[in-house]
PDB file of N, CA and C in Angstrom:
ATOM      1  N   MET A   1    -284.156 196.067-138.704  1.00  0.00           N
ATOM      2  CA  MET A   1    -283.576 196.844-139.560  1.00  0.00           C
ATOM      3  C   MET A   1    -284.756 198.090-139.829  1.00  0.00           C
ATOM      4  N   ASN A   2    -285.646 197.474-140.436  1.00  0.00           N
ATOM      5  CA  ASN A   2    -287.110 198.656-140.768  1.00  0.00           C
ATOM      6  C   ASN A   2    -287.186 199.490-139.573  1.00  0.00           C
ATOM      7  N   THR A   3    -286.907 199.489-138.465  1.00  0.00           N
ATOM      8  CA  THR A   3    -287.320 200.450-137.383  1.00  0.00           C
ATOM      9  C   THR A   3    -286.425 201.687-137.675  1.00  0.00           C
ATOM     10  N   CYS A   4    -284.985 201.054-137.774  1.00  0.00           N
ATOM     11  CA  CYS A   4    -283.835 201.545-137.682  1.00  0.00           C
ATOM     12  C   CYS A   4    -283.808 202.916-138.986  1.00  0.00           C
ATOM     13  N   ARG A   5    -284.407 202.322-140.038  1.00  0.00           N
ATOM     14  CA  ARG A   5    -284.695 202.941-141.306  1.00  0.00           C
ATOM     15  C   ARG A   5    -286.050 204.122-141.166  1.00  0.00           C
ATOM     16  N   GLY A   6    -286.753 204.167-140.646  1.00  0.00           N
ATOM     17  CA  GLY A   6    -287.633 204.417-140.426  1.00  0.00           C
ATOM     18  C   GLY A   6    -287.302 205.911-139.441  1.00  0.00           C
ATOM     19  N   ILE A   7    -286.919 205.339-138.225  1.00  0.00           N
ATOM     20  CA  ILE A   7    -285.967 206.561-137.149  1.00  0.00           C
ATOM     21  C   ILE A   7    -284.909 207.386-137.936  1.00  0.00           C
ATOM     22  N   VAL A   8    -284.650 206.853-138.635  1.00  0.00           N
ATOM     23  CA  VAL A   8    -283.400 207.722-139.524  1.00  0.00           C
ATOM     24  C   VAL A   8    -284.443 208.569-140.514  1.00  0.00           C
ATOM     25  N   ILE A   9    -284.808 207.919-141.319  1.00  0.00           N
ATOM     26  CA  ILE A   9    -285.850 208.627-142.179  1.00  0.00           C
ATOM     27  C   ILE A   9    -286.505 210.066-141.434  1.00  0.00           C
ATOM     28  N   PHE A  10    -287.373 209.480-140.412  1.00  0.00           N
ATOM     29  CA  PHE A  10    -288.355 210.660-139.467  1.00  0.00           C
ATOM     30  C   PHE A  10    -286.971 211.931-138.716  1.00  0.00           C
ATOM     31  N   VAL A  11    -285.884 210.920-138.119  1.00  0.00           N
ATOM     32  CA  VAL A  11    -284.793 212.249-137.866  1.00  0.00           C
ATOM     33  C   VAL A  11    -284.259 213.205-138.677  1.00  0.00           C
ATOM     34  N   THR A  12    -284.307 212.774-139.970  1.00  0.00           N
ATOM     35  CA  THR A  12    -283.761 213.249-140.890  1.00  0.00           C
ATOM     36  C   THR A  12    -285.165 214.634-141.339  1.00  0.00           C
ATOM     37  N   GLN A  13    -286.091 214.508-140.866  1.00  0.00           N
ATOM     38  CA  GLN A  13    -287.036 215.363-141.783  1.00  0.00           C
ATOM     39  C   GLN A  13    -287.604 216.365-140.295  1.00  0.00           C
ATOM     40  N   LEU A  14    -286.456 216.107-139.096  1.00  0.00           N
ATOM     41  CA  LEU A  14    -286.863 216.913-138.104  1.00  0.00           C
ATOM     42  C   LEU A  14    -286.753 218.592-138.120  1.00  0.00           C
ATOM     43  N   PRO A  15    -285.802 218.880-139.065  1.00  0.00           N
ATOM     44  CA  PRO A  15    -284.708 220.133-138.727  1.00  0.00           C
ATOM     45  C   PRO A  15    -285.886 220.791-139.985  1.00  0.00           C
ATOM     46  N   ILE A  16    -286.781 220.226-140.903  1.00  0.00           N
ATOM     47  CA  ILE A  16    -287.453 220.633-141.691  1.00  0.00           C
ATOM     48  C   ILE A  16    -288.919 221.153-140.976  1.00  0.00           C
ATOM     49  N   ILE A  17    -289.197 220.546-140.227  1.00  0.00           N
ATOM     50  CA  ILE A  17    -290.462 220.270-139.128  1.00  0.00           C
ATOM     51  C   ILE A  17    -289.912 221.620-137.954  1.00  0.00           C
ATOM     52  N   LEU A  18    -288.799 221.932-137.627  1.00  0.00           N
ATOM     53  CA  LEU A  18    -288.503 222.625-136.549  1.00  0.00           C
ATOM     54  C   LEU A  18    -288.602 224.477-137.778  1.00  0.00           C
ATOM     55  N   GLU A  19    -287.971 223.788-138.872  1.00  0.00           N
ATOM     56  CA  GLU A  19    -287.528 225.152-139.692  1.00  0.00           C
ATOM     57  C   GLU A  19    -289.088 225.998-139.871  1.00  0.00           C
ATOM     58  N   ILE A  20    -290.128 224.848-140.506  1.00  0.00           N
ATOM     59  CA  ILE A  20    -291.497 225.510-140.969  1.00  0.00           C
ATOM     60  C   ILE A  20    -292.196 225.764-139.954  1.00  0.00           C
ATOM     61  N   GLY A  21    -292.214 225.068-138.676  1.00  0.00           N
ATOM     62  CA  GLY A  21    -292.789 225.572-137.609  1.00  0.00           C
ATOM     63  C   GLY A  21    -292.234 226.860-136.829  1.00  0.00           C
ATOM     64  N   ALA A  22    -291.223 227.406-137.091  1.00  0.00           N
ATOM     65  CA  ALA A  22    -290.649 228.494-136.372  1.00  0.00           C
ATOM     66  C   ALA A  22    -290.937 229.357-137.264  1.00  0.00           C
ATOM     67  N   GLN A  23    -291.156 229.282-138.689  1.00  0.00           N
ATOM     68  CA  GLN A  23    -291.339 230.641-139.586  1.00  0.00           C
ATOM     69  C   GLN A  23    -292.519 230.175-139.702  1.00  0.00           C
ATOM     70  N   PHE A  24    -293.893 230.020-139.881  1.00  0.00           N
ATOM     71  CA  PHE A  24    -295.155 230.175-139.405  1.00  0.00           C
ATOM     72  C   PHE A  24    -295.339 230.329-137.696  1.00  0.00           C
ATOM     73  N   ASP A  25    -294.777 230.105-137.049  1.00  0.00           N
ATOM     74  CA  ASP A  25    -295.015 230.352-135.400  1.00  0.00           C
ATOM     75  C   ASP A  25    -295.937 229.507-134.753  1.00  0.00           C
ATOM     76  N   LEU A  26    -295.577 227.826-135.536  1.00  0.00           N
ATOM     77  CA  LEU A  26    -296.409 227.085-134.843  1.00  0.00           C
ATOM     78  C   LEU A  26    -295.847 226.649-133.640  1.00  0.00           C
ATOM     79  N   LEU A  27    -294.877 226.556-133.414  1.00  0.00           N
ATOM     80  CA  LEU A  27    -294.177 226.346-131.966  1.00  0.00           C
ATOM     81  C   LEU A  27    -294.507 226.846-130.913  1.00  0.00           C
ATOM     82  N   PHE A  28    -294.896 227.864-130.706  1.00  0.00           N
ATOM     83  CA  PHE A  28    -295.544 228.991-129.586  1.00  0.00           C
ATOM     84  C   PHE A  28    -294.338 229.521-128.874  1.00  0.00           C
ATOM     85  N   GLY A  29    -293.400 229.741-129.992  1.00  0.00           N
ATOM     86  CA  GLY A  29    -292.243 230.522-129.093  1.00  0.00           C
ATOM     87  C   GLY A  29    -290.828 229.590-128.553  1.00  0.00           C
ATOM     88  N   PHE A  30    -291.101 228.299-129.109  1.00  0.00           N
ATOM     89  CA  PHE A  30    -290.002 227.619-128.308  1.00  0.00           C
ATOM     90  C   PHE A  30    -289.013 227.625-129.311  1.00  0.00           C
ATOM     91  N   ASN A  31    -289.216 228.055-130.978  1.00  0.00           N
ATOM     92  CA  ASN A  31    -287.844 228.468-131.249  1.00  0.00           C
ATOM     93  C   ASN A  31    -286.980 228.983-130.857  1.00  0.00           C
ATOM     94  N   HIS A  32    -287.667 230.414-130.087  1.00  0.00           N
ATOM     95  CA  HIS A  32    -286.750 231.432-129.407  1.00  0.00           C
ATOM     96  C   HIS A  32    -285.917 231.174-128.363  1.00  0.00           C
ATOM     97  N   THR A  33    -285.818 229.985-127.414  1.00  0.00           N
ATOM     98  CA  THR A  33    -285.565 229.693-126.331  1.00  0.00           C
ATOM     99  C   THR A  33    -284.271 228.887-126.578  1.00  0.00           C
ATOM    100  N   ASP A  34    -283.176 228.818-125.562  1.00  0.00           N
ATOM    101  CA  ASP A  34    -282.345 227.700-126.135  1.00  0.00           C
ATOM    102  C   ASP A  34    -281.755 226.291-125.988  1.00  0.00           C
ATOM    103  N   ALA A  35    -282.985 226.027-125.685  1.00  0.00           N
ATOM    104  CA  ALA A  35    -283.357 224.292-125.890  1.00  0.00           C
ATOM    105  C   ALA A  35    -283.394 224.331-127.420  1.00  0.00           C
ATOM    106  N   ALA A  36    -284.518 225.102-128.426  1.00  0.00           N
ATOM    107  CA  ALA A  36    -284.557 224.847-129.429  1.00  0.00           C
ATOM    108  C   ALA A  36    -283.242 225.477-130.202  1.00  0.00           C
ATOM    109  N   PHE A  37    -282.410 225.768-129.985  1.00  0.00           N
ATOM    110  CA  PHE A  37    -281.184 226.021-130.544  1.00  0.00           C
ATOM    111  C   PHE A  37    -280.035 225.039-130.225  1.00  0.00           C
ATOM    112  N   ASN A  38    -280.492 224.542-128.857  1.00  0.00           N
ATOM    113  CA  ASN A  38    -279.326 223.508-128.572  1.00  0.00           C
ATOM    114  C   ASN A  38    -279.852 221.766-129.495  1.00  0.00           C
ATOM    115  N   ILE A  39    -281.282 221.776-129.656  1.00  0.00           N
ATOM    116  CA  ILE A  39    -281.969 220.584-130.803  1.00  0.00           C
ATOM    117  C   ILE A  39    -281.367 220.852-131.854  1.00  0.00           C
ATOM    118  N   LEU A  40    -281.879 222.096-132.553  1.00  0.00           N
ATOM    119  CA  LEU A  40    -281.182 222.131-133.974  1.00  0.00           C
ATOM    120  C   LEU A  40    -279.923 222.112-133.969  1.00  0.00           C
ATOM    121  N   LEU A  41    -278.871 222.359-133.218  1.00  0.00           N
ATOM    122  CA  LEU A  41    -277.483 222.121-133.302  1.00  0.00           C
ATOM    123  C   LEU A  41    -277.036 220.844-133.229  1.00  0.00           C
ATOM    124  N   LEU A  42    -277.818 219.714-132.241  1.00  0.00           N
ATOM    125  CA  LEU A  42    -277.838 218.209-132.226  1.00  0.00           C
ATOM    126  C   LEU A  42    -278.036 218.072-133.432  1.00  0.00           C
ATOM    127  N   LEU A  43    -279.309 218.276-134.171  1.00  0.00           N
ATOM    128  CA  LEU A  43    -279.817 217.640-135.285  1.00  0.00           C
ATOM    129  C   LEU A  43    -278.999 217.793-136.403  1.00  0.00           C
ATOM    130  N   PHE A  44    -278.467 219.124-136.395  1.00  0.00           N
ATOM    131  CA  PHE A  44    -277.532 219.806-137.182  1.00  0.00           C
ATOM    132  C   PHE A  44    -275.666 218.641-137.459  1.00  0.00           C
ATOM    133  N   VAL A  45    -275.588 218.093-136.220  1.00  0.00           N
ATOM    134  CA  VAL A  45    -274.465 217.356-136.253  1.00  0.00           C
ATOM    135  C   VAL A  45    -274.614 216.118-136.474  1.00  0.00           C
ATOM    136  N   LEU A  46    -275.741 215.448-135.959  1.00  0.00           N
ATOM    137  CA  LEU A  46    -276.479 214.035-135.617  1.00  0.00           C
ATOM    138  C   LEU A  46    -277.048 213.558-136.971  1.00  0.00           C
ATOM    139  N   VAL A  47    -277.466 214.304-137.639  1.00  0.00           N
ATOM    140  CA  VAL A  47    -278.382 213.594-138.494  1.00  0.00           C
ATOM    141  C   VAL A  47    -277.849 213.316-139.793  1.00  0.00           C
ATOM    142  N   PRO A  48    -276.813 214.363-140.268  1.00  0.00           N
ATOM    143  CA  PRO A  48    -275.897 213.594-141.374  1.00  0.00           C
ATOM    144  C   PRO A  48    -275.269 212.535-140.756  1.00  0.00           C
ATOM    145  N   LEU A  49    -274.641 212.359-139.486  1.00  0.00           N
ATOM    146  CA  LEU A  49    -273.457 210.911-139.419  1.00  0.00           C
ATOM    147  C   LEU A  49    -274.429 209.761-139.150  1.00  0.00           C
ATOM    148  N   MET A  50    -275.653 209.801-138.738  1.00  0.00           N
ATOM    149  CA  MET A  50    -276.775 209.011-138.613  1.00  0.00           C
ATOM    150  C   MET A  50    -276.797 208.249-140.140  1.00  0.00           C
ATOM    151  N   ASN A  51    -277.170 209.852-141.062  1.00  0.00           N
ATOM    152  CA  ASN A  51    -277.893 209.025-142.451  1.00  0.00           C
ATOM    153  C   ASN A  51    -276.641 208.241-143.099  1.00  0.00           C
ATOM    154  N   LEU A  52    -275.167 209.128-142.693  1.00  0.00           N
ATOM    155  CA  LEU A  52    -274.097 207.787-143.189  1.00  0.00           C
ATOM    156  C   LEU A  52    -273.915 206.966-142.721  1.00  0.00           C
ATOM    157  N   SER A  53    -273.797 206.685-141.306  1.00  0.00           N
ATOM    158  CA  SER A  53    -273.833 205.374-140.913  1.00  0.00           C
ATOM    159  C   SER A  53    -275.208 204.260-141.677  1.00  0.00           C
ATOM    160  N   TRP A  54    -276.146 204.509-142.302  1.00  0.00           N
ATOM    161  CA  TRP A  54    -277.340 204.288-142.514  1.00  0.00           C
ATOM    162  C   TRP A  54    -276.550 203.870-144.119  1.00  0.00           C
ATOM    163  N   LEU A  55    -276.295 204.627-144.616  1.00  0.00           N
ATOM    164  CA  LEU A  55    -275.856 204.356-146.185  1.00  0.00           C
ATOM    165  C   LEU A  55    -274.253 203.357-146.198  1.00  0.00           C
ATOM    166  N   LEU A  56    -273.736 203.556-144.987  1.00  0.00           N
ATOM    167  CA  LEU A  56    -272.604 202.510-145.104  1.00  0.00           C
ATOM    168  C   LEU A  56    -273.365 200.726-145.001  1.00  0.00           C
ATOM    169  N   THR A  57    -274.048 200.842-143.831  1.00  0.00           N
ATOM    170  CA  THR A  57    -274.738 199.837-143.560  1.00  0.00           C
ATOM    171  C   THR A  57    -275.450 198.885-144.890  1.00  0.00           C
ATOM    172  N   GLU A  58    -276.218 199.996-145.358  1.00  0.00           N
ATOM    173  CA  GLU A  58    -277.107 199.540-146.250  1.00  0.00           C
ATOM    174  C   GLU A  58    -276.288 199.206-147.749  1.00  0.00           C
ATOM    175  N   ILE A  59    -275.355 199.356-148.025  1.00  0.00           N
ATOM    176  CA  ILE A  59    -274.066 199.067-148.977  1.00  0.00           C
ATOM    177  C   ILE A  59    -273.385 197.991-148.298  1.00  0.00           C
ATOM    178  N   ILE A  60    -272.982 197.990-147.711  1.00  0.00           N
ATOM    179  CA  ILE A  60    -272.387 196.553-146.764  1.00  0.00           C
ATOM    180  C   ILE A  60    -273.570 195.243-147.014  1.00  0.00           C
ATOM    181  N   MET A  61    -275.059 195.424-146.426  1.00  0.00           N
ATOM    182  CA  MET A  61    -275.823 194.439-146.447  1.00  0.00           C
ATOM    183  C   MET A  61    -275.731 194.425-147.807  1.00  0.00           C
ATOM    184  N   THR A  62    -276.287 195.106-148.881  1.00  0.00           N
ATOM    185  CA  THR A  62    -276.223 194.765-150.222  1.00  0.00           C
ATOM    186  C   THR A  62    -275.073 193.820-150.648  1.00  0.00           C
ATOM    187  N   ILE A  63    -273.845 194.246-150.274  1.00  0.00           N
ATOM    188  CA  ILE A  63    -272.843 193.352-151.104  1.00  0.00           C
ATOM    189  C   ILE A  63    -272.788 192.217-150.430  1.00  0.00           C
ATOM    190  N   LYS A  64    -273.097 191.863-149.269  1.00  0.00           N
ATOM    191  CA  LYS A  64    -273.196 190.835-148.625  1.00  0.00           C
ATOM    192  C   LYS A  64    -273.881 189.921-149.011  1.00  0.00           C
ATOM    193  N   MET A  65    -275.673 190.363-149.526  1.00  0.00           N
ATOM    194  CA  MET A  65    -276.280 189.853-149.698  1.00  0.00           C
ATOM    195  C   MET A  65    -276.099 189.080-151.300  1.00  0.00           C
ATOM    196  N   ALA A  66    -275.400 189.596-152.138  1.00  0.00           N
ATOM    197  CA  ALA A  66    -275.390 189.972-153.398  1.00  0.00           C
ATOM    198  C   ALA A  66    -274.162 188.793-153.513  1.00  0.00           C
ATOM    199  N   LYS A  67    -273.500 188.573-152.652  1.00  0.00           N
ATOM    200  CA  LYS A  67    -272.262 187.401-152.438  1.00  0.00           C
ATOM    201  C   LYS A  67    -272.930 186.071-152.283  1.00  0.00           C
ATOM    202  N   ARG A  68    -273.814 186.259-151.198  1.00  0.00           N
ATOM    203  CA  ARG A  68    -274.369 184.820-151.010  1.00  0.00           C
ATOM    204  C   ARG A  68    -275.551 184.225-151.737  1.00  0.00           C
ATOM    205  N   GLN A  69    -276.255 184.905-152.580  1.00  0.00           N
ATOM    206  CA  GLN A  69    -276.973 184.535-153.379  1.00  0.00           C
ATOM    207  C   GLN A  69    -276.689 184.454-154.835  1.00  0.00           C
ATOM    208  N   ASN A  70    -275.239 184.678-155.201  1.00  0.00           N
ATOM    209  CA  ASN A  70    -274.804 184.961-156.637  1.00  0.00           C
ATOM    210  C   ASN A  70    -275.606 185.412-157.450  1.00  0.00           C
ATOM    211  N   ARG A  71    -276.428 186.708-157.395  1.00  0.00           N
ATOM    212  CA  ARG A  71    -276.782 187.027-158.473  1.00  0.00           C
ATOM    213  C   ARG A  71    -277.048 188.772-158.152  1.00  0.00           C
ATOM    214  N   ALA A  72    -276.941 189.325-159.061  1.00  0.00           N
ATOM    215  CA  ALA A  72    -276.683 191.263-159.402  1.00  0.00           C
ATOM    216  C   ALA A  72    -277.452 191.670-158.077  1.00  0.00           C
ATOM    217  N   MET A  73    -276.916 193.085-158.175  1.00  0.00           N
ATOM    218  CA  MET A  73    -277.253 193.547-156.394  1.00  0.00           C
ATOM    219  C   MET A  73    -278.190 194.515-156.828  1.00  0.00           C
ATOM    220  N   SER A  74    -278.965 194.837-155.806  1.00  0.00           N
ATOM    221  CA  SER A  74    -280.421 195.624-156.193  1.00  0.00           C
ATOM    222  C   SER A  74    -279.432 197.291-155.442  1.00  0.00           C
ATOM    223  N   PHE A  75    -279.502 197.707-156.245  1.00  0.00           N
ATOM    224  CA  PHE A  75    -279.566 199.111-155.311  1.00  0.00           C
ATOM    225  C   PHE A  75    -280.262 200.421-154.810  1.00  0.00           C
ATOM    226  N   LEU A  76    -281.456 199.603-154.599  1.00  0.00           N
ATOM    227  CA  LEU A  76    -282.813 200.334-154.113  1.00  0.00           C
ATOM    228  C   LEU A  76    -282.380 200.626-153.015  1.00  0.00           C
ATOM    229  N   MET A  77    -282.367 199.930-151.924  1.00  0.00           N
ATOM    230  CA  MET A  77    -282.285 200.824-150.911  1.00  0.00           C
ATOM    231  C   MET A  77    -280.893 201.666-150.417  1.00  0.00           C
ATOM    232  N   PRO A  78    -279.733 201.255-150.885  1.00  0.00           N
ATOM    233  CA  PRO A  78    -278.652 202.136-151.098  1.00  0.00           C
ATOM    234  C   PRO A  78    -278.882 203.401-151.561  1.00  0.00           C
ATOM    235  N   GLY A  79    -280.007 203.436-152.492  1.00  0.00           N
ATOM    236  CA  GLY A  79    -280.082 204.661-152.920  1.00  0.00           C
ATOM    237  C   GLY A  79    -281.080 205.688-152.345  1.00  0.00           C
ATOM    238  N   PHE A  80    -281.965 204.751-151.608  1.00  0.00           N
ATOM    239  CA  PHE A  80    -282.807 205.688-150.650  1.00  0.00           C
ATOM    240  C   PHE A  80    -281.687 206.047-149.340  1.00  0.00           C
ATOM    241  N   ALA A  81    -280.944 205.297-149.096  1.00  0.00           N
ATOM    242  CA  ALA A  81    -279.919 206.195-148.019  1.00  0.00           C
ATOM    243  C   ALA A  81    -279.191 207.179-148.270  1.00  0.00           C
ATOM    244  N   LEU A  82    -279.009 206.962-149.893  1.00  0.00           N
ATOM    245  CA  LEU A  82    -277.676 208.177-150.394  1.00  0.00           C
ATOM    246  C   LEU A  82    -278.604 209.537-150.812  1.00  0.00           C
ATOM    247  N   PHE A  83    -280.085 209.241-151.182  1.00  0.00           N
ATOM    248  CA  PHE A  83    -281.165 210.243-151.100  1.00  0.00           C
ATOM    249  C   PHE A  83    -281.418 211.137-149.945  1.00  0.00           C
ATOM    250  N   PHE A  84    -281.544 210.378-148.457  1.00  0.00           N
ATOM    251  CA  PHE A  84    -281.439 210.841-147.535  1.00  0.00           C
ATOM    252  C   PHE A  84    -280.429 211.644-146.871  1.00  0.00           C
ATOM    253  N   PHE A  85    -279.146 210.796-147.172  1.00  0.00           N
ATOM    254  CA  PHE A  85    -277.932 211.665-146.942  1.00  0.00           C
ATOM    255  C   PHE A  85    -277.804 212.941-147.506  1.00  0.00           C
ATOM    256  N   LEU A  86    -277.902 212.928-149.007  1.00  0.00           N
ATOM    257  CA  LEU A  86    -277.842 214.372-149.704  1.00  0.00           C
ATOM    258  C   LEU A  86    -279.195 215.335-148.996  1.00  0.00           C
ATOM    259  N   GLU A  87    -280.121 214.517-148.870  1.00  0.00           N
ATOM    260  CA  GLU A  87    -281.120 215.721-148.302  1.00  0.00           C
ATOM    261  C   GLU A  87    -280.734 216.280-146.675  1.00  0.00           C
ATOM    262  N   SER A  88    -280.379 215.392-146.059  1.00  0.00           N
ATOM    263  CA  SER A  88    -279.726 215.922-144.460  1.00  0.00           C
ATOM    264  C   SER A  88    -278.323 216.742-144.684  1.00  0.00           C
ATOM    265  N   LEU A  89    -277.138 216.580-145.658  1.00  0.00           N
ATOM    266  CA  LEU A  89    -276.692 217.401-146.431  1.00  0.00           C
ATOM    267  C   LEU A  89    -277.288 218.739-146.962  1.00  0.00           C
ATOM    268  N   SER A  90    -277.862 218.655-147.581  1.00  0.00           N
ATOM    269  CA  SER A  90    -278.366 220.059-148.101  1.00  0.00           C
ATOM    270  C   SER A  90    -279.224 220.728-147.200  1.00  0.00           C
ATOM    271  N   ILE A  91    -279.477 220.759-146.052  1.00  0.00           N
ATOM    272  CA  ILE A  91    -280.547 221.215-145.110  1.00  0.00           C
ATOM    273  C   ILE A  91    -279.321 221.631-144.147  1.00  0.00           C
ATOM    274  N   ASP A  92    -278.376 220.921-144.221  1.00  0.00           N
ATOM    275  CA  ASP A  92    -277.065 221.547-143.457  1.00  0.00           C
ATOM    276  C   ASP A  92    -276.680 223.090-143.964  1.00  0.00           C
ATOM    277  N   ILE A  93    -276.354 222.918-145.559  1.00  0.00           N
ATOM    278  CA  ILE A  93    -275.774 223.604-145.991  1.00  0.00           C
ATOM    279  C   ILE A  93    -277.291 224.993-145.919  1.00  0.00           C
ATOM    280  N   PHE A  94    -278.545 224.905-145.851  1.00  0.00           N
ATOM    281  CA  PHE A  94    -279.558 225.484-145.862  1.00  0.00           C
ATOM    282  C   PHE A  94    -279.498 226.781-144.592  1.00  0.00           C
ATOM    283  N   PHE A  95    -278.984 225.668-143.525  1.00  0.00           N
ATOM    284  CA  PHE A  95    -279.100 226.237-142.102  1.00  0.00           C
ATOM    285  C   PHE A  95    -277.533 227.018-142.183  1.00  0.00           C
ATOM    286  N   LEU A  96    -276.338 226.498-142.742  1.00  0.00           N
ATOM    287  CA  LEU A  96    -275.571 227.680-142.956  1.00  0.00           C
ATOM    288  C   LEU A  96    -275.731 228.568-143.472  1.00  0.00           C
ATOM    289  N   SER A  97    -276.172 228.370-144.758  1.00  0.00           N
ATOM    290  CA  SER A  97    -276.359 230.318-145.182  1.00  0.00           C
ATOM    291  C   SER A  97    -277.237 230.727-144.784  1.00  0.00           C
ATOM    292  N   GLN A  98    -278.018 230.258-143.686  1.00  0.00           N
ATOM    293  CA  GLN A  98    -279.053 231.652-142.832  1.00  0.00           C
ATOM    294  C   GLN A  98    -278.427 232.110-141.775  1.00  0.00           C
ATOM    295  N   ALA A  99    -277.438 231.347-141.542  1.00  0.00           N
ATOM    296  CA  ALA A  99    -276.786 231.973-139.837  1.00  0.00           C
ATOM    297  C   ALA A  99    -276.460 233.292-140.285  1.00  0.00           C
ATOM    298  N   ARG A 100    -276.444 234.095-138.951  1.00  0.00           N
ATOM    299  CA  ARG A 100    -275.693 234.981-138.845  1.00  0.00           C
ATOM    300  C   ARG A 100    -274.709 235.373-137.861  1.00  0.00           C
ATOM    301  N   MET A 101    -273.637 236.241-138.293  1.00  0.00           N
ATOM    302  CA  MET A 101    -272.873 236.556-137.328  1.00  0.00           C
ATOM    303  C   MET A 101    -272.935 237.153-136.096  1.00  0.00           C
TER     304      MET A 101
END
């Protein structure tokens, strides 16, 4: 599960890395190609869905563990998942605000 968490966290940061890399021309012109737009579009759709599934999984796992152990629930991991989900939504809203028709 930790590997999946790490992958989702890394993929959440990729649009930010692509944006900063394009801003300072660190991608050597890759941001001007069709492939870069396709990757950005894929990340635009895929990242919030991955974060939402991670959030739901963390909530389900927390509830199951709390029922099994008969003790208070810890909201640490669902809190992290919620943070990254909100981050991915804010990145998407930023990209939508930058889109030109």
